[in-house]
Amino acid sequence: MINNPTKFLFLLTLMGGTLISTSANSWFGAWMGLEINLLSFIPLMTNSKNLFSTEASLKYFLVQALASATLLLTVILGSLFLNPTVPNPSDSTVINTLISSSLLLKMGAAPFHFWFPGVMEGLNWMNGLMLLTWQKIAPLMLISYSFKLDTFFSFIIVLSVLIGSLGGLNQTSIRKILAYSSINHLGWLLAAMATGESIWGLYFLIYTFLSFAIIFMVNTFKMIHINQIFSLNFINPVNKFAFFVTLLSLGGLPPFLGFLPKWIVIQNMVNLGNIFLVTLMVVTTLITLFYYVRTTFAAFMLTYTETLWNLPTPFNSTNHTTALFLSICSTLGLMFISLTFSIL
């Protein structure tokens, strides 16, 4: 991508659009940044040789255009009818709900998630990583400016963790599993937003790292479906094991790094008195862990079969070493962080 100057330009404007949105002091400036971000991401998604990516880019454009139009219309109505001298649409519950809904549609949180798994399925891994991580930064920042844990956001959090958990139960495609996992994590991110700016920022950073670790591995091993990992003889069994451990870390299994942000969110939500909501979140996350453990069971038991006719394929040992290093970070990260805090 970097060798192509046109794509490099679009990558720079993509980042610039996000920065404009997050640093804007008006809703119109935020909308403008979101539009720049959208129009930069579409050419990066499109690939004339791949019909799936063309379909995904068209679907993404239509949904984002609908969300942007809703956001702009709501902001204009709010500034006209609420207080013409000081346009602050967040004064009205209805206006605030509409603005939040358009931003939730932009990042694919439930119940506005209908487009997300389909778009994710049509992208290559690097674009998929951007959709899972970078494209969520601007909507999350804009939601955090006027976020309040009311009935609407409680409903969104419950739906996101529930659909993110149940949606991945019957999936074998790694892209769709990561898409539903992302929907689940969005519920946790919104809950973390209720507890403080730094907490949801930490959650997002760790989620980004774990997503990068998994996508780096599957991109290195050229995998599309979970069961492919058993038929690739040239992958070291240690790397196979590391891949599934990173999946469990993304699901939030306690000994691994992915459990740390969920631990912090659970603790803060309990301190705020949201016992019922955090209980629902934990139970639905156990469903996510169920289908991760179901996929990893054969790898952990080391009883899977490999095809004899699949000849070893040349591979880049540096990529394999990097993948192993990333999985070690996700596996032992919680231990290192605990030791650091105890020493400090």
Protein backbone atom coordinates (compact mmCIF):
# COMPACT_ATOMS: atom_id res chain seq x y z
CA MET A 1 0.00 0.00 0.00
CA ILE A 2 2.77 2.47 0.93
CA ASN A 3 4.51 1.87 -2.43
CA ASN A 4 1.42 3.18 -4.21
CA PRO A 5 1.50 7.03 -3.94
CA THR A 6 -2.26 7.37 -4.54
CA LYS A 7 -3.13 4.99 -1.72
CA PHE A 8 -0.57 6.67 0.50
CA LEU A 9 -2.30 10.01 -0.15
CA PHE A 10 -5.70 8.50 0.72
CA LEU A 11 -4.19 6.99 3.88
CA LEU A 12 -2.95 10.43 4.96
CA THR A 13 -6.33 12.09 4.29
CA LEU A 14 -8.04 9.19 6.13
CA MET A 15 -5.98 9.98 9.23
CA GLY A 16 -6.47 13.70 8.69
CA GLY A 17 -10.26 13.30 8.58
CA THR A 18 -10.24 11.47 11.91
CA LEU A 19 -8.03 14.15 13.47
CA ILE A 20 -10.33 16.91 12.15
CA SER A 21 -13.34 15.16 13.72
CA THR A 22 -11.73 14.61 17.09
CA SER A 23 -10.37 18.17 17.33
CA ALA A 24 -13.40 20.02 15.91
CA ASN A 25 -15.16 22.52 18.17
CA SER A 26 -18.51 22.26 16.35
CA TRP A 27 -20.71 19.46 15.07
CA PHE A 28 -20.37 20.79 11.54
CA GLY A 29 -16.57 20.50 11.76
CA ALA A 30 -16.93 16.97 13.13
CA TRP A 31 -19.26 16.05 10.23
CA MET A 32 -16.74 17.45 7.75
CA GLY A 33 -13.95 15.34 9.24
CA LEU A 34 -16.14 12.23 9.08
CA GLU A 35 -16.88 12.90 5.40
CA ILE A 36 -13.18 13.33 4.57
CA ASN A 37 -12.48 10.09 6.40
CA LEU A 38 -15.23 8.26 4.49
CA LEU A 39 -14.20 9.53 1.05
CA SER A 40 -10.59 8.52 1.77
CA PHE A 41 -11.47 5.01 2.93
CA ILE A 42 -13.65 4.09 -0.09
CA PRO A 43 -10.74 4.10 -2.63
CA LEU A 44 -8.63 2.07 -0.20
CA MET A 45 -11.38 -0.56 0.02
CA THR A 46 -12.10 -0.82 -3.70
CA ASN A 47 -10.32 -3.47 -5.73
CA SER A 48 -11.36 -3.97 -9.37
CA LYS A 49 -10.09 -7.58 -9.29
CA ASN A 50 -12.24 -8.52 -6.33
CA LEU A 51 -16.04 -8.31 -6.63
CA PHE A 52 -16.47 -8.82 -2.87
CA SER A 53 -14.46 -5.69 -2.05
CA THR A 54 -16.43 -3.66 -4.61
CA GLU A 55 -19.69 -4.80 -3.03
CA ALA A 56 -18.33 -4.10 0.46
CA SER A 57 -17.19 -0.58 -0.50
CA LEU A 58 -20.59 0.24 -2.04
CA LYS A 59 -22.44 -1.07 1.03
CA TYR A 60 -20.09 0.85 3.33
CA PHE A 61 -20.57 4.07 1.34
CA LEU A 62 -24.38 3.87 1.40
CA VAL A 63 -24.54 3.20 5.15
CA GLN A 64 -22.00 5.92 6.00
CA ALA A 65 -23.76 8.42 3.72
CA LEU A 66 -27.06 7.68 5.51
CA ALA A 67 -25.40 8.15 8.91
CA SER A 68 -23.71 11.39 7.81
CA ALA A 69 -26.96 12.78 6.38
CA THR A 70 -28.78 11.93 9.63
CA LEU A 71 -26.04 13.59 11.70
CA LEU A 72 -26.03 16.77 9.60
CA LEU A 73 -29.83 17.04 9.50
CA THR A 74 -30.08 16.51 13.28
CA VAL A 75 -27.43 19.13 14.01
CA ILE A 76 -29.15 21.67 11.72
CA LEU A 77 -32.57 20.99 13.29
CA GLY A 78 -31.07 21.24 16.75
CA SER A 79 -29.40 24.57 16.04
CA LEU A 80 -32.59 25.97 14.47
CA PHE A 81 -35.19 24.94 17.02
CA LEU A 82 -33.38 24.69 20.36
CA ASN A 83 -31.36 27.86 20.73
CA PRO A 84 -30.55 29.85 17.60
CA THR A 85 -27.91 32.00 19.29
CA VAL A 86 -25.91 29.14 20.86
CA PRO A 87 -26.20 25.98 18.71
CA ASN A 88 -25.81 23.15 21.17
CA PRO A 89 -27.87 20.15 20.02
CA SER A 90 -26.98 18.13 23.11
CA ASP A 91 -29.53 20.20 25.10
CA SER A 92 -32.39 18.03 23.82
CA THR A 93 -32.74 14.34 24.63
CA VAL A 94 -34.28 13.59 21.22
CA ILE A 95 -31.56 15.47 19.32
CA ASN A 96 -28.85 13.87 21.43
CA THR A 97 -30.32 10.40 20.81
CA LEU A 98 -30.44 10.99 17.04
CA ILE A 99 -26.83 12.23 16.96
CA SER A 100 -25.69 9.23 19.02
CA SER A 101 -27.65 6.85 16.76
CA SER A 102 -25.98 8.23 13.62
CA LEU A 103 -22.54 7.83 15.22
CA LEU A 104 -23.39 4.31 16.41
CA LEU A 105 -24.46 3.47 12.85
CA LYS A 106 -21.11 4.78 11.60
CA MET A 107 -19.11 2.41 13.79
CA GLY A 108 -21.47 -0.59 13.57
CA ALA A 109 -22.78 -0.99 17.12
CA ALA A 110 -25.97 -3.02 17.63
CA PRO A 111 -28.78 -2.62 16.62
CA PHE A 112 -27.14 -0.69 13.74
CA HIS A 113 -24.73 -3.53 12.99
CA PHE A 114 -26.53 -5.01 9.95
CA TRP A 115 -23.83 -3.85 7.49
CA PHE A 116 -20.72 -4.59 9.56
CA PRO A 117 -20.10 -8.38 9.13
CA GLY A 118 -20.91 -8.23 5.40
CA VAL A 119 -18.52 -5.34 4.76
CA MET A 120 -15.81 -6.98 6.86
CA GLU A 121 -16.13 -10.20 4.84
CA GLY A 122 -15.36 -8.38 1.58
CA LEU A 123 -12.19 -6.58 2.72
CA ASN A 124 -8.56 -7.66 2.74
CA TRP A 125 -6.87 -7.97 6.12
CA MET A 126 -5.23 -4.54 6.28
CA ASN A 127 -8.46 -2.75 5.35
CA GLY A 128 -10.29 -4.98 7.81
CA LEU A 129 -7.90 -3.93 10.56
CA MET A 130 -8.57 -0.26 9.75
CA LEU A 131 -12.33 -0.86 9.83
CA LEU A 132 -12.07 -2.63 13.20
CA THR A 133 -9.85 -0.03 14.85
CA TRP A 134 -9.08 3.33 13.21
CA GLN A 135 -12.55 3.92 11.74
CA LYS A 136 -14.06 3.71 15.23
CA ILE A 137 -11.90 6.43 16.79
CA ALA A 138 -13.81 9.50 15.51
CA PRO A 139 -17.37 8.22 16.29
CA LEU A 140 -16.28 7.04 19.75
CA MET A 141 -14.65 10.40 20.55
CA LEU A 142 -17.73 12.30 19.36
CA ILE A 143 -20.05 10.07 21.42
CA SER A 144 -17.87 10.55 24.50
CA TYR A 145 -18.39 14.34 24.39
CA SER A 146 -22.09 14.04 25.28
CA PHE A 147 -22.22 10.51 26.71
CA LYS A 148 -24.52 9.80 29.64
CA LEU A 149 -25.40 6.28 30.81
CA ASP A 150 -29.17 6.58 30.40
CA THR A 151 -31.80 4.08 29.22
CA PHE A 152 -30.84 4.51 25.56
CA PHE A 153 -27.16 3.76 26.03
CA SER A 154 -27.89 0.92 28.48
CA PHE A 155 -30.10 -0.62 25.75
CA ILE A 156 -27.30 -0.18 23.17
CA ILE A 157 -24.70 -1.77 25.49
CA VAL A 158 -26.90 -4.80 26.25
CA LEU A 159 -27.79 -5.32 22.57
CA SER A 160 -24.15 -4.96 21.45
CA VAL A 161 -22.76 -7.51 23.89
CA LEU A 162 -25.69 -9.88 23.23
CA ILE A 163 -25.60 -9.75 19.41
CA GLY A 164 -21.79 -9.76 19.38
CA SER A 165 -21.85 -12.95 21.43
CA LEU A 166 -24.68 -14.85 19.74
CA GLY A 167 -23.79 -13.75 16.21
CA GLY A 168 -20.40 -15.44 16.28
CA LEU A 169 -21.70 -18.83 17.43
CA ASN A 170 -22.24 -20.31 13.97
CA GLN A 171 -19.38 -18.57 12.12
CA THR A 172 -16.30 -20.26 10.64
CA SER A 173 -14.97 -17.23 8.75
CA ILE A 174 -12.27 -15.45 10.77
CA ARG A 175 -13.38 -12.07 9.37
CA LYS A 176 -16.96 -12.52 10.59
CA ILE A 177 -15.79 -13.81 13.97
CA LEU A 178 -13.67 -10.66 14.37
CA ALA A 179 -16.61 -8.51 13.21
CA TYR A 180 -19.00 -9.94 15.82
CA SER A 181 -16.22 -9.75 18.41
CA SER A 182 -15.87 -6.06 17.54
CA ILE A 183 -19.61 -5.51 18.08
CA ASN A 184 -19.26 -7.18 21.49
CA HIS A 185 -16.26 -5.00 22.37
CA LEU A 186 -18.18 -1.86 21.34
CA GLY A 187 -20.67 -2.63 24.09
CA TRP A 188 -17.82 -2.86 26.58
CA LEU A 189 -16.27 0.36 25.19
CA LEU A 190 -19.52 2.26 25.72
CA ALA A 191 -19.72 0.90 29.27
CA ALA A 192 -16.09 1.95 29.83
CA MET A 193 -17.03 5.42 28.59
CA ALA A 194 -19.43 5.74 31.54
CA THR A 195 -16.54 5.18 33.94
CA GLY A 196 -14.05 7.68 32.51
CA GLU A 197 -12.15 8.93 29.46
CA SER A 198 -8.87 7.20 30.30
CA ILE A 199 -10.53 3.80 30.88
CA TRP A 200 -12.21 3.55 27.47
CA GLY A 201 -8.97 4.86 25.92
CA LEU A 202 -7.01 2.04 27.60
CA TYR A 203 -9.66 -0.51 26.54
CA PHE A 204 -9.46 0.68 22.94
CA LEU A 205 -5.65 0.55 22.89
CA ILE A 206 -5.54 -3.04 24.18
CA TYR A 207 -8.34 -4.08 21.80
CA THR A 208 -6.39 -2.51 18.89
CA PHE A 209 -3.21 -4.35 19.89
CA LEU A 210 -4.98 -7.73 20.12
CA SER A 211 -6.80 -7.19 16.81
CA PHE A 212 -3.48 -6.29 15.16
CA ALA A 213 -1.83 -9.41 16.63
CA ILE A 214 -4.55 -11.74 15.28
CA ILE A 215 -4.77 -10.08 11.86
CA PHE A 216 -0.97 -10.08 11.52
CA MET A 217 -0.97 -13.83 12.14
CA VAL A 218 -3.80 -14.71 9.76
CA ASN A 219 -2.36 -12.40 7.09
CA THR A 220 1.06 -14.07 7.47
CA PHE A 221 -0.44 -17.57 7.26
CA LYS A 222 -2.95 -16.54 4.52
CA MET A 223 -5.97 -17.91 6.37
CA ILE A 224 -9.65 -17.17 5.77
CA HIS A 225 -11.44 -19.84 7.86
CA ILE A 226 -10.63 -21.22 11.29
CA ASN A 227 -10.24 -24.84 10.13
CA GLN A 228 -7.51 -23.85 7.64
CA ILE A 229 -4.99 -23.62 10.44
CA PHE A 230 -5.12 -27.42 10.85
CA SER A 231 -4.22 -28.09 7.20
CA LEU A 232 -1.18 -25.80 7.01
CA ASN A 233 1.80 -28.04 7.68
CA PHE A 234 4.43 -25.34 7.40
CA ILE A 235 3.14 -23.51 10.50
CA ASN A 236 4.99 -24.37 13.66
CA PRO A 237 2.67 -25.99 16.27
CA VAL A 238 3.86 -23.33 18.72
CA ASN A 239 2.55 -20.63 16.35
CA LYS A 240 -0.74 -22.48 15.99
CA PHE A 241 -1.04 -22.62 19.76
CA ALA A 242 -0.09 -18.92 20.01
CA PHE A 243 -2.80 -17.92 17.52
CA PHE A 244 -5.53 -19.57 19.55
CA VAL A 245 -4.19 -18.16 22.81
CA THR A 246 -4.39 -14.66 21.28
CA LEU A 247 -8.00 -15.42 20.28
CA LEU A 248 -8.78 -16.31 23.89
CA SER A 249 -7.05 -13.11 25.01
CA LEU A 250 -9.31 -11.12 22.67
CA GLY A 251 -12.29 -12.89 24.28
CA GLY A 252 -11.11 -11.76 27.72
CA LEU A 253 -10.01 -14.99 29.40
CA PRO A 254 -8.57 -14.06 32.83
CA PRO A 255 -4.86 -14.98 32.68
CA PHE A 256 -4.31 -13.01 29.47
CA LEU A 257 -3.91 -9.33 28.58
CA GLY A 258 -7.45 -9.03 27.13
CA PHE A 259 -8.90 -9.56 30.60
CA LEU A 260 -7.25 -6.40 32.01
CA PRO A 261 -9.58 -3.74 30.46
CA LYS A 262 -12.68 -5.85 31.20
CA TRP A 263 -11.50 -6.26 34.79
CA ILE A 264 -11.16 -2.48 35.14
CA VAL A 265 -14.57 -1.85 33.55
CA ILE A 266 -16.28 -4.44 35.78
CA GLN A 267 -14.70 -2.94 38.89
CA ASN A 268 -15.70 0.64 37.98
CA MET A 269 -19.22 -0.32 36.91
CA VAL A 270 -19.76 -2.11 40.24
CA ASN A 271 -18.48 0.98 42.07
CA LEU A 272 -21.02 3.09 40.16
CA GLY A 273 -23.80 0.68 41.18
CA ASN A 274 -24.62 -0.76 37.74
CA ILE A 275 -24.69 -4.35 39.01
CA PHE A 276 -27.44 -5.64 36.70
CA LEU A 277 -25.85 -4.20 33.53
CA VAL A 278 -22.37 -5.52 34.31
CA THR A 279 -23.80 -8.97 35.12
CA LEU A 280 -25.46 -9.12 31.68
CA MET A 281 -22.18 -8.05 30.07
CA VAL A 282 -20.17 -10.73 31.84
CA VAL A 283 -22.69 -13.49 31.02
CA THR A 284 -22.74 -12.60 27.31
CA THR A 285 -18.95 -12.45 27.23
CA LEU A 286 -18.93 -16.03 28.52
CA ILE A 287 -20.88 -16.97 25.36
CA THR A 288 -18.10 -15.34 23.30
CA LEU A 289 -15.52 -17.32 25.22
CA PHE A 290 -17.53 -20.47 24.59
CA TYR A 291 -17.16 -20.30 20.82
CA TYR A 292 -13.50 -19.30 21.13
CA VAL A 293 -12.82 -22.29 23.38
CA ARG A 294 -14.83 -24.54 21.06
CA THR A 295 -12.56 -23.58 18.16
CA THR A 296 -9.37 -23.84 20.20
CA PHE A 297 -10.20 -27.11 21.94
CA ALA A 298 -8.64 -29.30 19.24
CA ALA A 299 -5.49 -27.17 19.16
CA PHE A 300 -5.08 -27.29 22.92
CA MET A 301 -5.66 -31.06 23.03
CA LEU A 302 -3.15 -31.46 20.14
CA THR A 303 -5.37 -34.11 18.54
CA TYR A 304 -6.01 -32.46 15.19
CA THR A 305 -5.03 -34.17 11.91
CA GLU A 306 -2.81 -32.77 9.17
CA THR A 307 -2.89 -33.70 5.50
CA LEU A 308 0.15 -35.59 4.26
CA TRP A 309 -0.03 -34.26 0.71
CA ASN A 310 0.15 -30.59 1.68
CA LEU A 311 3.75 -29.68 0.81
CA PRO A 312 5.63 -27.18 2.97
CA THR A 313 5.43 -23.63 1.62
CA PRO A 314 8.30 -21.15 1.86
CA PHE A 315 7.61 -18.52 4.49
CA ASN A 316 9.18 -15.43 6.00
CA SER A 317 10.71 -16.44 9.33
CA THR A 318 10.73 -12.79 10.48
CA ASN A 319 6.93 -12.64 10.20
CA HIS A 320 6.58 -15.87 12.18
CA THR A 321 8.90 -14.55 14.90
CA THR A 322 6.93 -11.28 15.05
CA ALA A 323 3.64 -13.20 15.28
CA LEU A 324 5.05 -15.26 18.14
CA PHE A 325 6.26 -12.11 19.92
CA LEU A 326 2.82 -10.46 19.61
CA SER A 327 1.11 -13.55 21.01
CA ILE A 328 3.58 -13.67 23.94
CA CYS A 329 2.71 -10.01 24.70
CA SER A 330 -1.01 -10.81 24.70
CA THR A 331 -0.48 -13.93 26.82
CA LEU A 332 1.87 -12.53 29.46
CA GLY A 333 0.88 -8.85 29.30
CA LEU A 334 -1.41 -9.00 32.34
CA MET A 335 1.36 -10.56 34.44
CA PHE A 336 3.91 -7.89 33.42
CA ILE A 337 1.45 -5.05 34.09
CA SER A 338 0.59 -6.50 37.53
CA LEU A 339 4.31 -6.78 38.37
CA THR A 340 4.91 -3.18 37.20
CA PHE A 341 2.11 -1.83 39.39
CA SER A 342 3.31 -3.82 42.40
CA ILE A 343 6.87 -2.53 41.95
CA LEU A 344 5.73 1.10 41.50
